[in-house]
Amino acid sequence: MKTTNVRTNKETEINASYETSKFAMTVGMTMAALVGIWGFACMISGVLDGGLGGLVKGLVSAITGN
């Protein structure tokens, strides 16, 4: 019995701009999440260090400059 190999050509279309923006969006969202987690950790540290009143006083002082 003789076998015959059939070769087919399949083209894959790649949209480079879509792939680039998808990558950039993923990186941006990851960095935003890391910044948010870091900010949350800093707020918790501030509350644990000086209490909630000290944290609010320091925040107001930082904004107003007094």
PDB file of N, CA and C in Angstrom:
ATOM      1  N   MET A   1       0.843  -1.166   0.000  1.00  0.00           N
ATOM      2  CA  MET A   1       0.000   0.000   0.000  1.00  0.00           C
ATOM      3  C   MET A   1       0.895   1.238   0.000  1.00  0.00           C
ATOM      4  N   LYS A   2       0.614   2.124  -0.867  1.00  0.00           N
ATOM      5  CA  LYS A   2       1.399   3.342  -1.013  1.00  0.00           C
ATOM      6  C   LYS A   2       0.678   4.500  -0.309  1.00  0.00           C
ATOM      7  N   THR A   3       1.456   5.279   0.540  1.00  0.00           N
ATOM      8  CA  THR A   3       0.853   6.431   1.226  1.00  0.00           C
ATOM      9  C   THR A   3       1.250   7.704   0.499  1.00  0.00           C
ATOM     10  N   THR A   4       0.354   8.634   0.498  1.00  0.00           N
ATOM     11  CA  THR A   4       0.589   9.910  -0.161  1.00  0.00           C
ATOM     12  C   THR A   4       0.505  11.015   0.893  1.00  0.00           C
ATOM     13  N   ASN A   5       1.549  11.815   0.943  1.00  0.00           N
ATOM     14  CA  ASN A   5       1.563  12.959   1.859  1.00  0.00           C
ATOM     15  C   ASN A   5       0.987  14.169   1.139  1.00  0.00           C
ATOM     16  N   VAL A   6       0.083  14.837   1.799  1.00  0.00           N
ATOM     17  CA  VAL A   6      -0.537  16.027   1.234  1.00  0.00           C
ATOM     18  C   VAL A   6      -0.062  17.216   2.065  1.00  0.00           C
ATOM     19  N   ARG A   7       0.477  18.191   1.399  1.00  0.00           N
ATOM     20  CA  ARG A   7       0.986  19.383   2.080  1.00  0.00           C
ATOM     21  C   ARG A   7      -0.009  20.517   1.856  1.00  0.00           C
ATOM     22  N   THR A   8      -0.399  21.143   2.953  1.00  0.00           N
ATOM     23  CA  THR A   8      -1.302  22.285   2.848  1.00  0.00           C
ATOM     24  C   THR A   8      -0.606  23.511   3.409  1.00  0.00           C
ATOM     25  N   ASN A   9      -0.877  24.618   2.815  1.00  0.00           N
ATOM     26  CA  ASN A   9      -0.327  25.886   3.288  1.00  0.00           C
ATOM     27  C   ASN A   9      -1.425  26.639   4.016  1.00  0.00           C
ATOM     28  N   LYS A  10      -1.101  27.040   5.218  1.00  0.00           N
ATOM     29  CA  LYS A  10      -2.045  27.814   6.014  1.00  0.00           C
ATOM     30  C   LYS A  10      -1.362  29.103   6.415  1.00  0.00           C
ATOM     31  N   GLU A  11      -1.971  30.202   6.089  1.00  0.00           N
ATOM     32  CA  GLU A  11      -1.403  31.500   6.436  1.00  0.00           C
ATOM     33  C   GLU A  11      -2.038  31.991   7.728  1.00  0.00           C
ATOM     34  N   THR A  12      -1.197  32.521   8.567  1.00  0.00           N
ATOM     35  CA  THR A  12      -1.669  33.112   9.813  1.00  0.00           C
ATOM     36  C   THR A  12      -1.438  34.610   9.732  1.00  0.00           C
ATOM     37  N   GLU A  13      -2.506  35.335   9.918  1.00  0.00           N
ATOM     38  CA  GLU A  13      -2.404  36.793   9.850  1.00  0.00           C
ATOM     39  C   GLU A  13      -2.220  37.325  11.260  1.00  0.00           C
ATOM     40  N   ILE A  14      -1.165  38.092  11.460  1.00  0.00           N
ATOM     41  CA  ILE A  14      -0.856  38.661  12.767  1.00  0.00           C
ATOM     42  C   ILE A  14      -1.038  40.167  12.689  1.00  0.00           C
ATOM     43  N   ASN A  15      -1.816  40.680  13.595  1.00  0.00           N
ATOM     44  CA  ASN A  15      -2.032  42.117  13.672  1.00  0.00           C
ATOM     45  C   ASN A  15      -1.044  42.668  14.706  1.00  0.00           C
ATOM     46  N   ALA A  16       0.052  43.238  14.239  1.00  0.00           N
ATOM     47  CA  ALA A  16       1.128  43.672  15.130  1.00  0.00           C
ATOM     48  C   ALA A  16       0.681  44.792  16.067  1.00  0.00           C
ATOM     49  N   SER A  17      -0.138  45.697  15.587  1.00  0.00           N
ATOM     50  CA  SER A  17      -0.569  46.806  16.444  1.00  0.00           C
ATOM     51  C   SER A  17      -1.455  46.298  17.581  1.00  0.00           C
ATOM     52  N   TYR A  18      -2.287  45.318  17.286  1.00  0.00           N
ATOM     53  CA  TYR A  18      -3.127  44.737  18.337  1.00  0.00           C
ATOM     54  C   TYR A  18      -2.274  44.026  19.378  1.00  0.00           C
ATOM     55  N   GLU A  19      -1.317  43.254  18.933  1.00  0.00           N
ATOM     56  CA  GLU A  19      -0.452  42.527  19.862  1.00  0.00           C
ATOM     57  C   GLU A  19       0.381  43.483  20.707  1.00  0.00           C
ATOM     58  N   THR A  20       0.868  44.559  20.089  1.00  0.00           N
ATOM     59  CA  THR A  20       1.661  45.547  20.818  1.00  0.00           C
ATOM     60  C   THR A  20       0.818  46.256  21.866  1.00  0.00           C
ATOM     61  N   SER A  21      -0.391  46.671  21.500  1.00  0.00           N
ATOM     62  CA  SER A  21      -1.240  47.373  22.464  1.00  0.00           C
ATOM     63  C   SER A  21      -1.708  46.431  23.570  1.00  0.00           C
ATOM     64  N   LYS A  22      -1.921  45.168  23.239  1.00  0.00           N
ATOM     65  CA  LYS A  22      -2.300  44.185  24.256  1.00  0.00           C
ATOM     66  C   LYS A  22      -1.169  44.004  25.272  1.00  0.00           C
ATOM     67  N   PHE A  23       0.057  43.925  24.783  1.00  0.00           N
ATOM     68  CA  PHE A  23       1.219  43.801  25.663  1.00  0.00           C
ATOM     69  C   PHE A  23       1.366  45.057  26.526  1.00  0.00           C
ATOM     70  N   ALA A  24       1.249  46.231  25.911  1.00  0.00           N
ATOM     71  CA  ALA A  24       1.394  47.490  26.653  1.00  0.00           C
ATOM     72  C   ALA A  24       0.304  47.624  27.714  1.00  0.00           C
ATOM     73  N   MET A  25      -0.915  47.214  27.389  1.00  0.00           N
ATOM     74  CA  MET A  25      -2.006  47.283  28.357  1.00  0.00           C
ATOM     75  C   MET A  25      -1.754  46.336  29.527  1.00  0.00           C
ATOM     76  N   THR A  26      -1.249  45.154  29.241  1.00  0.00           N
ATOM     77  CA  THR A  26      -0.947  44.193  30.299  1.00  0.00           C
ATOM     78  C   THR A  26       0.155  44.719  31.218  1.00  0.00           C
ATOM     79  N   VAL A  27       1.203  45.276  30.627  1.00  0.00           N
ATOM     80  CA  VAL A  27       2.293  45.842  31.431  1.00  0.00           C
ATOM     81  C   VAL A  27       1.781  47.016  32.260  1.00  0.00           C
ATOM     82  N   GLY A  28       0.988  47.880  31.658  1.00  0.00           N
ATOM     83  CA  GLY A  28       0.443  49.038  32.374  1.00  0.00           C
ATOM     84  C   GLY A  28      -0.445  48.636  33.539  1.00  0.00           C
ATOM     85  N   MET A  29      -1.298  47.648  33.310  1.00  0.00           N
ATOM     86  CA  MET A  29      -2.185  47.197  34.381  1.00  0.00           C
ATOM     87  C   MET A  29      -1.404  46.521  35.504  1.00  0.00           C
ATOM     88  N   THR A  30      -0.366  45.788  35.145  1.00  0.00           N
ATOM     89  CA  THR A  30       0.470  45.147  36.163  1.00  0.00           C
ATOM     90  C   THR A  30       1.185  46.193  37.007  1.00  0.00           C
ATOM     91  N   MET A  31       1.744  47.205  36.353  1.00  0.00           N
ATOM     92  CA  MET A  31       2.436  48.262  37.095  1.00  0.00           C
ATOM     93  C   MET A  31       1.463  49.041  37.978  1.00  0.00           C
ATOM     94  N   ALA A  32       0.263  49.315  37.486  1.00  0.00           N
ATOM     95  CA  ALA A  32      -0.734  50.020  38.296  1.00  0.00           C
ATOM     96  C   ALA A  32      -1.119  49.194  39.522  1.00  0.00           C
ATOM     97  N   ALA A  33      -1.239  47.885  39.344  1.00  0.00           N
ATOM     98  CA  ALA A  33      -1.568  47.020  40.476  1.00  0.00           C
ATOM     99  C   ALA A  33      -0.447  47.022  41.503  1.00  0.00           C
ATOM    100  N   LEU A  34       0.796  46.973  41.038  1.00  0.00           N
ATOM    101  CA  LEU A  34       1.927  46.997  41.972  1.00  0.00           C
ATOM    102  C   LEU A  34       1.995  48.311  42.740  1.00  0.00           C
ATOM    103  N   VAL A  35       1.750  49.427  42.061  1.00  0.00           N
ATOM    104  CA  VAL A  35       1.744  50.734  42.731  1.00  0.00           C
ATOM    105  C   VAL A  35       0.616  50.796  43.755  1.00  0.00           C
ATOM    106  N   GLY A  36      -0.549  50.264  43.404  1.00  0.00           N
ATOM    107  CA  GLY A  36      -1.672  50.249  44.342  1.00  0.00           C
ATOM    108  C   GLY A  36      -1.397  49.406  45.568  1.00  0.00           C
ATOM    109  N   ILE A  37      -0.791  48.243  45.361  1.00  0.00           N
ATOM    110  CA  ILE A  37      -0.448  47.377  46.492  1.00  0.00           C
ATOM    111  C   ILE A  37       0.583  48.051  47.385  1.00  0.00           C
ATOM    112  N   TRP A  38       1.573  48.699  46.761  1.00  0.00           N
ATOM    113  CA  TRP A  38       2.607  49.398  47.542  1.00  0.00           C
ATOM    114  C   TRP A  38       1.982  50.553  48.343  1.00  0.00           C
ATOM    115  N   GLY A  39       1.090  51.308  47.730  1.00  0.00           N
ATOM    116  CA  GLY A  39       0.414  52.402  48.428  1.00  0.00           C
ATOM    117  C   GLY A  39      -0.419  51.902  49.599  1.00  0.00           C
ATOM    118  N   PHE A  40      -1.116  50.791  49.387  1.00  0.00           N
ATOM    119  CA  PHE A  40      -1.916  50.207  50.462  1.00  0.00           C
ATOM    120  C   PHE A  40      -1.028  49.758  51.617  1.00  0.00           C
ATOM    121  N   ALA A  41       0.096  49.141  51.285  1.00  0.00           N
ATOM    122  CA  ALA A  41       1.030  48.701  52.327  1.00  0.00           C
ATOM    123  C   ALA A  41       1.577  49.895  53.108  1.00  0.00           C
ATOM    124  N   CYS A  42       1.851  50.998  52.406  1.00  0.00           N
ATOM    125  CA  CYS A  42       2.343  52.201  53.091  1.00  0.00           C
ATOM    126  C   CYS A  42       1.280  52.791  54.010  1.00  0.00           C
ATOM    127  N   MET A  43       0.026  52.781  53.576  1.00  0.00           N
ATOM    128  CA  MET A  43      -1.053  53.305  54.429  1.00  0.00           C
ATOM    129  C   MET A  43      -1.217  52.442  55.681  1.00  0.00           C
ATOM    130  N   ILE A  44      -1.166  51.135  55.517  1.00  0.00           N
ATOM    131  CA  ILE A  44      -1.275  50.251  56.677  1.00  0.00           C
ATOM    132  C   ILE A  44      -0.098  50.477  57.624  1.00  0.00           C
ATOM    133  N   SER A  45       1.095  50.639  57.069  1.00  0.00           N
ATOM    134  CA  SER A  45       2.274  50.916  57.895  1.00  0.00           C
ATOM    135  C   SER A  45       2.112  52.223  58.652  1.00  0.00           C
ATOM    136  N   GLY A  46       1.569  53.235  57.994  1.00  0.00           N
ATOM    137  CA  GLY A  46       1.352  54.522  58.654  1.00  0.00           C
ATOM    138  C   GLY A  46       0.344  54.427  59.784  1.00  0.00           C
ATOM    139  N   VAL A  47      -0.709  53.656  59.566  1.00  0.00           N
ATOM    140  CA  VAL A  47      -1.713  53.478  60.623  1.00  0.00           C
ATOM    141  C   VAL A  47      -1.113  52.726  61.805  1.00  0.00           C
ATOM    142  N   LEU A  48      -0.326  51.700  61.526  1.00  0.00           N
ATOM    143  CA  LEU A  48       0.272  50.922  62.602  1.00  0.00           C
ATOM    144  C   LEU A  48       1.333  51.712  63.362  1.00  0.00           C
ATOM    145  N   ASP A  49       2.021  52.607  62.670  1.00  0.00           N
ATOM    146  CA  ASP A  49       3.099  53.367  63.295  1.00  0.00           C
ATOM    147  C   ASP A  49       2.584  54.519  64.146  1.00  0.00           C
ATOM    148  N   GLY A  50       1.648  55.312  63.590  1.00  0.00           N
ATOM    149  CA  GLY A  50       1.223  56.513  64.304  1.00  0.00           C
ATOM    150  C   GLY A  50      -0.253  56.567  64.622  1.00  0.00           C
ATOM    151  N   GLY A  51      -0.977  55.537  64.336  1.00  0.00           N
ATOM    152  CA  GLY A  51      -2.411  55.547  64.569  1.00  0.00           C
ATOM    153  C   GLY A  51      -3.133  56.279  63.449  1.00  0.00           C
ATOM    154  N   LEU A  52      -4.442  56.140  63.436  1.00  0.00           N
ATOM    155  CA  LEU A  52      -5.242  56.754  62.380  1.00  0.00           C
ATOM    156  C   LEU A  52      -5.206  58.282  62.468  1.00  0.00           C
ATOM    157  N   GLY A  53      -5.230  58.809  63.675  1.00  0.00           N
ATOM    158  CA  GLY A  53      -5.166  60.263  63.854  1.00  0.00           C
ATOM    159  C   GLY A  53      -3.850  60.844  63.364  1.00  0.00           C
ATOM    160  N   GLY A  54      -2.763  60.178  63.680  1.00  0.00           N
ATOM    161  CA  GLY A  54      -1.451  60.634  63.227  1.00  0.00           C
ATOM    162  C   GLY A  54      -1.318  60.557  61.717  1.00  0.00           C
ATOM    163  N   LEU A  55      -1.937  59.533  61.124  1.00  0.00           N
ATOM    164  CA  LEU A  55      -1.903  59.396  59.671  1.00  0.00           C
ATOM    165  C   LEU A  55      -2.661  60.531  58.992  1.00  0.00           C
ATOM    166  N   VAL A  56      -3.846  60.843  59.506  1.00  0.00           N
ATOM    167  CA  VAL A  56      -4.644  61.942  58.936  1.00  0.00           C
ATOM    168  C   VAL A  56      -3.932  63.266  59.141  1.00  0.00           C
ATOM    169  N   LYS A  57      -3.370  63.486  60.330  1.00  0.00           N
ATOM    170  CA  LYS A  57      -2.641  64.728  60.604  1.00  0.00           C
ATOM    171  C   LYS A  57      -1.445  64.881  59.661  1.00  0.00           C
ATOM    172  N   GLY A  58      -0.704  63.805  59.458  1.00  0.00           N
ATOM    173  CA  GLY A  58       0.427  63.852  58.540  1.00  0.00           C
ATOM    174  C   GLY A  58       0.005  64.093  57.098  1.00  0.00           C
ATOM    175  N   LEU A  59      -1.118  63.491  56.685  1.00  0.00           N
ATOM    176  CA  LEU A  59      -1.623  63.706  55.324  1.00  0.00           C
ATOM    177  C   LEU A  59      -2.028  65.156  55.112  1.00  0.00           C
ATOM    178  N   VAL A  60      -2.759  65.736  56.073  1.00  0.00           N
ATOM    179  CA  VAL A  60      -3.179  67.135  55.972  1.00  0.00           C
ATOM    180  C   VAL A  60      -1.955  68.037  55.987  1.00  0.00           C
ATOM    181  N   SER A  61      -1.005  67.728  56.824  1.00  0.00           N
ATOM    182  CA  SER A  61       0.216  68.531  56.885  1.00  0.00           C
ATOM    183  C   SER A  61       1.001  68.460  55.566  1.00  0.00           C
ATOM    184  N   ALA A  62       1.027  67.315  54.959  1.00  0.00           N
ATOM    185  CA  ALA A  62       1.740  67.173  53.684  1.00  0.00           C
ATOM    186  C   ALA A  62       1.051  67.943  52.565  1.00  0.00           C
ATOM    187  N   ILE A  63      -0.275  67.974  52.584  1.00  0.00           N
ATOM    188  CA  ILE A  63      -1.020  68.678  51.535  1.00  0.00           C
ATOM    189  C   ILE A  63      -0.926  70.183  51.713  1.00  0.00           C
ATOM    190  N   THR A  64      -1.126  70.649  52.951  1.00  0.00           N
ATOM    191  CA  THR A  64      -1.154  72.099  53.180  1.00  0.00           C
ATOM    192  C   THR A  64       0.217  72.701  53.399  1.00  0.00           C
ATOM    193  N   GLY A  65       1.189  71.911  53.800  1.00  0.00           N
ATOM    194  CA  GLY A  65       2.540  72.438  54.032  1.00  0.00           C
ATOM    195  C   GLY A  65       2.736  73.003  55.420  1.00  0.00           C
ATOM    196  N   ASN A  66       1.800  72.810  56.318  1.00  0.00           N
ATOM    197  CA  ASN A  66       1.905  73.317  57.695  1.00  0.00           C
ATOM    198  C   ASN A  66       2.446  72.265  58.616  1.00  0.00           C
TER     199      ASN A  66
END
